[in-house]
Amino acid sequence: MLATISAITILAIIVALALATLAGRNGPVPASIPLPGVASVLPLMAIAIFLLLVGLVSNTLKTHLVQIAPMLLALALYWRFPRLGVLAATPLYLFWLAVMAAIWLFLLGIARFVSGTFSPAEIVLTVLIALAALGGLAYGMKLIGGIPVGARAGVVIGFGALQCIALIVSYLPVVTG
């Protein structure tokens, strides 16, 4: 389980770093790139809500409350520094997209690195989470120009690591017990 979480996190960080690097160059933000509006973090809010719904239908709400902590931090960052908040969401979108893909691979009998039982409601929520993640990635990449590459890397690595830690902590007995 830990190896799977680590692999998903590393993959999310690498892809997020690549996307963040390709999204723009150093220097001032061109006037054509608007300041990110609230719509830029709506997909992140949606994923948090969908994960809480998973917690409600699976009776694992405490686990899912811990798992959304990095999202809440990214949203808080957004309110103070919108471009950094949108950037912080990038590894989170990728992380949850990869987790949803792993669940689907398990459900289809293709891979067994994820296990469990999933109700129809949980399966529908995996689709919604993946769609929100894809939407957030597509929309957000247009809005992070003007952030220095070093800051991009730090935010992406930091939030990817936070999501990994949150997932690991969410399964500890102190949370699940």
C-alpha atoms as a PDB file:
ATOM      1  CA  MET A   1       0.000   0.000   0.000  1.00  0.00           C
ATOM      2  CA  LEU A   2       2.762   2.434   0.959  1.00  0.00           C
ATOM      3  CA  ALA A   3       4.647   1.635  -2.252  1.00  0.00           C
ATOM      4  CA  THR A   4       1.515   2.337  -4.311  1.00  0.00           C
ATOM      5  CA  ILE A   5       0.900   5.644  -2.537  1.00  0.00           C
ATOM      6  CA  SER A   6       4.533   6.635  -3.010  1.00  0.00           C
ATOM      7  CA  ALA A   7       4.495   5.699  -6.692  1.00  0.00           C
ATOM      8  CA  ILE A   8       1.279   7.658  -7.282  1.00  0.00           C
ATOM      9  CA  THR A   9       2.722  10.660  -5.451  1.00  0.00           C
ATOM     10  CA  ILE A  10       5.994  10.602  -7.389  1.00  0.00           C
ATOM     11  CA  LEU A  11       4.108  10.288 -10.661  1.00  0.00           C
ATOM     12  CA  ALA A  12       1.808  13.184  -9.721  1.00  0.00           C
ATOM     13  CA  ILE A  13       4.759  15.389  -8.745  1.00  0.00           C
ATOM     14  CA  ILE A  14       6.708  14.628 -11.929  1.00  0.00           C
ATOM     15  CA  VAL A  15       3.739  15.339 -14.201  1.00  0.00           C
ATOM     16  CA  ALA A  16       2.793  18.451 -12.197  1.00  0.00           C
ATOM     17  CA  LEU A  17       6.358  19.761 -12.446  1.00  0.00           C
ATOM     18  CA  ALA A  18       6.336  19.175 -16.192  1.00  0.00           C
ATOM     19  CA  LEU A  19       2.980  20.908 -16.603  1.00  0.00           C
ATOM     20  CA  ALA A  20       3.996  23.791 -14.355  1.00  0.00           C
ATOM     21  CA  THR A  21       7.231  24.271 -16.275  1.00  0.00           C
ATOM     22  CA  LEU A  22       5.451  24.220 -19.627  1.00  0.00           C
ATOM     23  CA  ALA A  23       2.659  26.535 -18.451  1.00  0.00           C
ATOM     24  CA  GLY A  24       4.691  29.728 -18.677  1.00  0.00           C
ATOM     25  CA  ARG A  25       8.029  31.405 -18.348  1.00  0.00           C
ATOM     26  CA  ASN A  26       9.620  33.504 -15.642  1.00  0.00           C
ATOM     27  CA  GLY A  27       8.889  37.179 -15.699  1.00  0.00           C
ATOM     28  CA  PRO A  28       5.852  39.348 -15.442  1.00  0.00           C
ATOM     29  CA  VAL A  29       2.444  37.891 -16.124  1.00  0.00           C
ATOM     30  CA  PRO A  30       1.185  38.995 -19.523  1.00  0.00           C
ATOM     31  CA  ALA A  31      -1.911  41.175 -19.396  1.00  0.00           C
ATOM     32  CA  SER A  32      -3.730  38.502 -21.406  1.00  0.00           C
ATOM     33  CA  ILE A  33      -3.502  36.058 -18.470  1.00  0.00           C
ATOM     34  CA  PRO A  34      -6.214  37.029 -16.009  1.00  0.00           C
ATOM     35  CA  LEU A  35      -5.877  36.700 -12.266  1.00  0.00           C
ATOM     36  CA  PRO A  36      -7.394  33.341 -11.362  1.00  0.00           C
ATOM     37  CA  GLY A  37     -11.029  33.673 -10.397  1.00  0.00           C
ATOM     38  CA  VAL A  38     -12.932  31.429  -8.020  1.00  0.00           C
ATOM     39  CA  ALA A  39     -13.854  29.204 -10.983  1.00  0.00           C
ATOM     40  CA  SER A  40     -10.203  28.112 -11.091  1.00  0.00           C
ATOM     41  CA  VAL A  41     -10.532  26.333  -7.732  1.00  0.00           C
ATOM     42  CA  LEU A  42     -14.101  25.060  -8.094  1.00  0.00           C
ATOM     43  CA  PRO A  43     -12.824  21.665  -9.296  1.00  0.00           C
ATOM     44  CA  LEU A  44     -10.708  21.392  -6.130  1.00  0.00           C
ATOM     45  CA  MET A  45     -13.722  22.243  -3.985  1.00  0.00           C
ATOM     46  CA  ALA A  46     -15.752  19.655  -5.913  1.00  0.00           C
ATOM     47  CA  ILE A  47     -13.152  16.934  -5.315  1.00  0.00           C
ATOM     48  CA  ALA A  48     -13.121  17.714  -1.595  1.00  0.00           C
ATOM     49  CA  ILE A  49     -16.920  17.486  -1.477  1.00  0.00           C
ATOM     50  CA  PHE A  50     -16.951  14.255  -3.502  1.00  0.00           C
ATOM     51  CA  LEU A  51     -14.354  12.716  -1.168  1.00  0.00           C
ATOM     52  CA  LEU A  52     -16.468  13.691   1.827  1.00  0.00           C
ATOM     53  CA  LEU A  53     -19.459  12.045   0.147  1.00  0.00           C
ATOM     54  CA  VAL A  54     -17.361   8.895  -0.304  1.00  0.00           C
ATOM     55  CA  GLY A  55     -16.636   9.097   3.419  1.00  0.00           C
ATOM     56  CA  LEU A  56     -20.342   9.379   4.197  1.00  0.00           C
ATOM     57  CA  VAL A  57     -21.464   6.484   1.995  1.00  0.00           C
ATOM     58  CA  SER A  58     -18.585   4.232   3.107  1.00  0.00           C
ATOM     59  CA  ASN A  59     -18.705   5.238   6.784  1.00  0.00           C
ATOM     60  CA  THR A  60     -15.094   6.484   6.623  1.00  0.00           C
ATOM     61  CA  LEU A  61     -15.668  10.203   7.082  1.00  0.00           C
ATOM     62  CA  LYS A  62     -12.714  10.713   9.467  1.00  0.00           C
ATOM     63  CA  THR A  63     -10.354   9.122   6.939  1.00  0.00           C
ATOM     64  CA  HIS A  64     -11.599  11.378   4.167  1.00  0.00           C
ATOM     65  CA  LEU A  65     -11.456  14.502   6.338  1.00  0.00           C
ATOM     66  CA  VAL A  66      -7.723  13.892   6.763  1.00  0.00           C
ATOM     67  CA  GLN A  67      -7.327  13.208   3.032  1.00  0.00           C
ATOM     68  CA  ILE A  68      -8.797  16.584   2.031  1.00  0.00           C
ATOM     69  CA  ALA A  69      -6.519  18.587   4.366  1.00  0.00           C
ATOM     70  CA  PRO A  70      -4.031  19.452   1.557  1.00  0.00           C
ATOM     71  CA  MET A  71      -6.946  20.679  -0.552  1.00  0.00           C
ATOM     72  CA  LEU A  72      -8.052  22.983   2.236  1.00  0.00           C
ATOM     73  CA  LEU A  73      -4.494  24.332   2.486  1.00  0.00           C
ATOM     74  CA  ALA A  74      -4.396  24.911  -1.292  1.00  0.00           C
ATOM     75  CA  LEU A  75      -7.730  26.747  -1.071  1.00  0.00           C
ATOM     76  CA  ALA A  76      -6.401  28.894   1.785  1.00  0.00           C
ATOM     77  CA  LEU A  77      -3.299  29.665  -0.278  1.00  0.00           C
ATOM     78  CA  TYR A  78      -5.551  30.576  -3.204  1.00  0.00           C
ATOM     79  CA  TRP A  79      -7.385  33.247  -1.201  1.00  0.00           C
ATOM     80  CA  ARG A  80      -4.081  35.005  -0.396  1.00  0.00           C
ATOM     81  CA  PHE A  81      -2.044  34.198  -3.539  1.00  0.00           C
ATOM     82  CA  PRO A  82      -4.420  33.033  -6.300  1.00  0.00           C
ATOM     83  CA  ARG A  83      -1.788  31.865  -8.792  1.00  0.00           C
ATOM     84  CA  LEU A  84       0.067  29.849  -6.153  1.00  0.00           C
ATOM     85  CA  GLY A  85      -3.209  28.318  -4.960  1.00  0.00           C
ATOM     86  CA  VAL A  86      -4.047  27.208  -8.486  1.00  0.00           C
ATOM     87  CA  LEU A  87      -0.530  25.814  -8.868  1.00  0.00           C
ATOM     88  CA  ALA A  88      -0.805  23.992  -5.507  1.00  0.00           C
ATOM     89  CA  ALA A  89      -3.927  22.262  -6.788  1.00  0.00           C
ATOM     90  CA  THR A  90      -2.037  20.752  -9.757  1.00  0.00           C
ATOM     91  CA  PRO A  91      -0.346  17.825  -7.954  1.00  0.00           C
ATOM     92  CA  LEU A  92      -3.562  17.261  -5.995  1.00  0.00           C
ATOM     93  CA  TYR A  93      -5.568  16.927  -9.204  1.00  0.00           C
ATOM     94  CA  LEU A  94      -2.991  14.535 -10.619  1.00  0.00           C
ATOM     95  CA  PHE A  95      -2.786  12.519  -7.403  1.00  0.00           C
ATOM     96  CA  TRP A  96      -6.527  11.957  -7.210  1.00  0.00           C
ATOM     97  CA  LEU A  97      -6.785  11.280 -10.936  1.00  0.00           C
ATOM     98  CA  ALA A  98      -4.137   8.552 -10.519  1.00  0.00           C
ATOM     99  CA  VAL A  99      -5.925   7.098  -7.477  1.00  0.00           C
ATOM    100  CA  MET A 100      -9.207   6.996  -9.408  1.00  0.00           C
ATOM    101  CA  ALA A 101      -7.457   5.305 -12.345  1.00  0.00           C
ATOM    102  CA  ALA A 102      -5.985   2.722  -9.956  1.00  0.00           C
ATOM    103  CA  ILE A 103      -9.464   2.027  -8.557  1.00  0.00           C
ATOM    104  CA  TRP A 104     -10.892   1.568 -12.061  1.00  0.00           C
ATOM    105  CA  LEU A 105      -8.033  -0.762 -13.011  1.00  0.00           C
ATOM    106  CA  PHE A 106      -8.864  -2.827  -9.913  1.00  0.00           C
ATOM    107  CA  LEU A 107     -12.585  -2.841 -10.670  1.00  0.00           C
ATOM    108  CA  LEU A 108     -11.907  -3.957 -14.241  1.00  0.00           C
ATOM    109  CA  GLY A 109      -9.659  -6.770 -12.989  1.00  0.00           C
ATOM    110  CA  ILE A 110      -6.621  -5.344 -14.774  1.00  0.00           C
ATOM    111  CA  ALA A 111      -4.458  -4.501 -11.743  1.00  0.00           C
ATOM    112  CA  ARG A 112      -4.432  -5.474  -8.092  1.00  0.00           C
ATOM    113  CA  PHE A 113      -2.305  -2.758  -6.457  1.00  0.00           C
ATOM    114  CA  VAL A 114      -5.531  -1.297  -5.008  1.00  0.00           C
ATOM    115  CA  SER A 115      -8.136  -3.451  -3.311  1.00  0.00           C
ATOM    116  CA  GLY A 116     -11.444  -3.129  -1.586  1.00  0.00           C
ATOM    117  CA  THR A 117     -15.127  -3.156  -2.240  1.00  0.00           C
ATOM    118  CA  PHE A 118     -16.814  -0.239  -3.915  1.00  0.00           C
ATOM    119  CA  SER A 119     -20.522   0.508  -3.837  1.00  0.00           C
ATOM    120  CA  PRO A 120     -22.259   1.891  -6.931  1.00  0.00           C
ATOM    121  CA  ALA A 121     -22.312   5.339  -5.263  1.00  0.00           C
ATOM    122  CA  GLU A 122     -18.555   5.182  -4.681  1.00  0.00           C
ATOM    123  CA  ILE A 123     -17.949   4.160  -8.291  1.00  0.00           C
ATOM    124  CA  VAL A 124     -20.008   7.129  -9.536  1.00  0.00           C
ATOM    125  CA  LEU A 125     -18.022   9.396  -7.205  1.00  0.00           C
ATOM    126  CA  THR A 126     -14.735   8.096  -8.660  1.00  0.00           C
ATOM    127  CA  VAL A 127     -15.933   9.217 -12.089  1.00  0.00           C
ATOM    128  CA  LEU A 128     -16.929  12.640 -10.745  1.00  0.00           C
ATOM    129  CA  ILE A 129     -13.608  13.063  -8.934  1.00  0.00           C
ATOM    130  CA  ALA A 130     -11.676  12.176 -12.099  1.00  0.00           C
ATOM    131  CA  LEU A 131     -13.734  14.577 -14.228  1.00  0.00           C
ATOM    132  CA  ALA A 132     -13.208  17.388 -11.707  1.00  0.00           C
ATOM    133  CA  ALA A 133      -9.469  16.677 -11.647  1.00  0.00           C
ATOM    134  CA  LEU A 134      -9.259  16.761 -15.437  1.00  0.00           C
ATOM    135  CA  GLY A 135     -11.234  20.006 -15.548  1.00  0.00           C
ATOM    136  CA  GLY A 136      -9.045  21.590 -12.898  1.00  0.00           C
ATOM    137  CA  LEU A 137      -5.891  20.651 -14.768  1.00  0.00           C
ATOM    138  CA  ALA A 138      -7.169  21.928 -18.100  1.00  0.00           C
ATOM    139  CA  TYR A 139      -8.357  25.239 -16.708  1.00  0.00           C
ATOM    140  CA  GLY A 140      -5.627  25.890 -14.157  1.00  0.00           C
ATOM    141  CA  MET A 141      -2.614  25.480 -16.422  1.00  0.00           C
ATOM    142  CA  LYS A 142      -3.571  28.667 -18.270  1.00  0.00           C
ATOM    143  CA  LEU A 143      -3.452  30.731 -15.068  1.00  0.00           C
ATOM    144  CA  ILE A 144      -0.070  30.090 -13.438  1.00  0.00           C
ATOM    145  CA  GLY A 145       2.194  32.120 -15.702  1.00  0.00           C
ATOM    146  CA  GLY A 146       4.592  34.527 -14.065  1.00  0.00           C
ATOM    147  CA  ILE A 147       5.520  32.295 -11.129  1.00  0.00           C
ATOM    148  CA  PRO A 148       9.293  31.688 -10.968  1.00  0.00           C
ATOM    149  CA  VAL A 149      10.315  28.121 -11.779  1.00  0.00           C
ATOM    150  CA  GLY A 150      11.834  27.548  -8.323  1.00  0.00           C
ATOM    151  CA  ALA A 151       8.610  28.590  -6.617  1.00  0.00           C
ATOM    152  CA  ARG A 152       6.636  26.365  -8.982  1.00  0.00           C
ATOM    153  CA  ALA A 153       8.805  23.385  -8.109  1.00  0.00           C
ATOM    154  CA  GLY A 154       8.576  24.048  -4.374  1.00  0.00           C
ATOM    155  CA  VAL A 155       4.800  24.393  -4.393  1.00  0.00           C
ATOM    156  CA  VAL A 156       4.278  21.314  -6.568  1.00  0.00           C
ATOM    157  CA  ILE A 157       6.659  19.105  -4.574  1.00  0.00           C
ATOM    158  CA  GLY A 158       5.365  20.412  -1.249  1.00  0.00           C
ATOM    159  CA  PHE A 159       1.689  19.862  -2.021  1.00  0.00           C
ATOM    160  CA  GLY A 160       2.352  16.478  -3.648  1.00  0.00           C
ATOM    161  CA  ALA A 161       4.187  15.388  -0.500  1.00  0.00           C
ATOM    162  CA  LEU A 162       1.423  16.781   1.725  1.00  0.00           C
ATOM    163  CA  GLN A 163      -1.176  14.750  -0.160  1.00  0.00           C
ATOM    164  CA  CYS A 164       0.912  11.591   0.190  1.00  0.00           C
ATOM    165  CA  ILE A 165       1.376  12.186   3.924  1.00  0.00           C
ATOM    166  CA  ALA A 166      -2.334  12.937   4.367  1.00  0.00           C
ATOM    167  CA  LEU A 167      -3.313   9.676   2.668  1.00  0.00           C
ATOM    168  CA  ILE A 168      -0.888   7.648   4.788  1.00  0.00           C
ATOM    169  CA  VAL A 169      -2.001   9.355   8.027  1.00  0.00           C
ATOM    170  CA  SER A 170      -5.663   8.861   7.099  1.00  0.00           C
ATOM    171  CA  TYR A 171      -5.227   5.077   7.417  1.00  0.00           C
ATOM    172  CA  LEU A 172      -3.402   5.120  10.766  1.00  0.00           C
ATOM    173  CA  PRO A 173      -5.282   3.635  13.732  1.00  0.00           C
ATOM    174  CA  VAL A 174      -5.417   7.030  15.436  1.00  0.00           C
ATOM    175  CA  VAL A 175      -7.736   8.173  12.604  1.00  0.00           C
ATOM    176  CA  THR A 176      -9.549   4.954  11.703  1.00  0.00           C
ATOM    177  CA  GLY A 177      -9.927   3.676  15.267  1.00  0.00           C
END
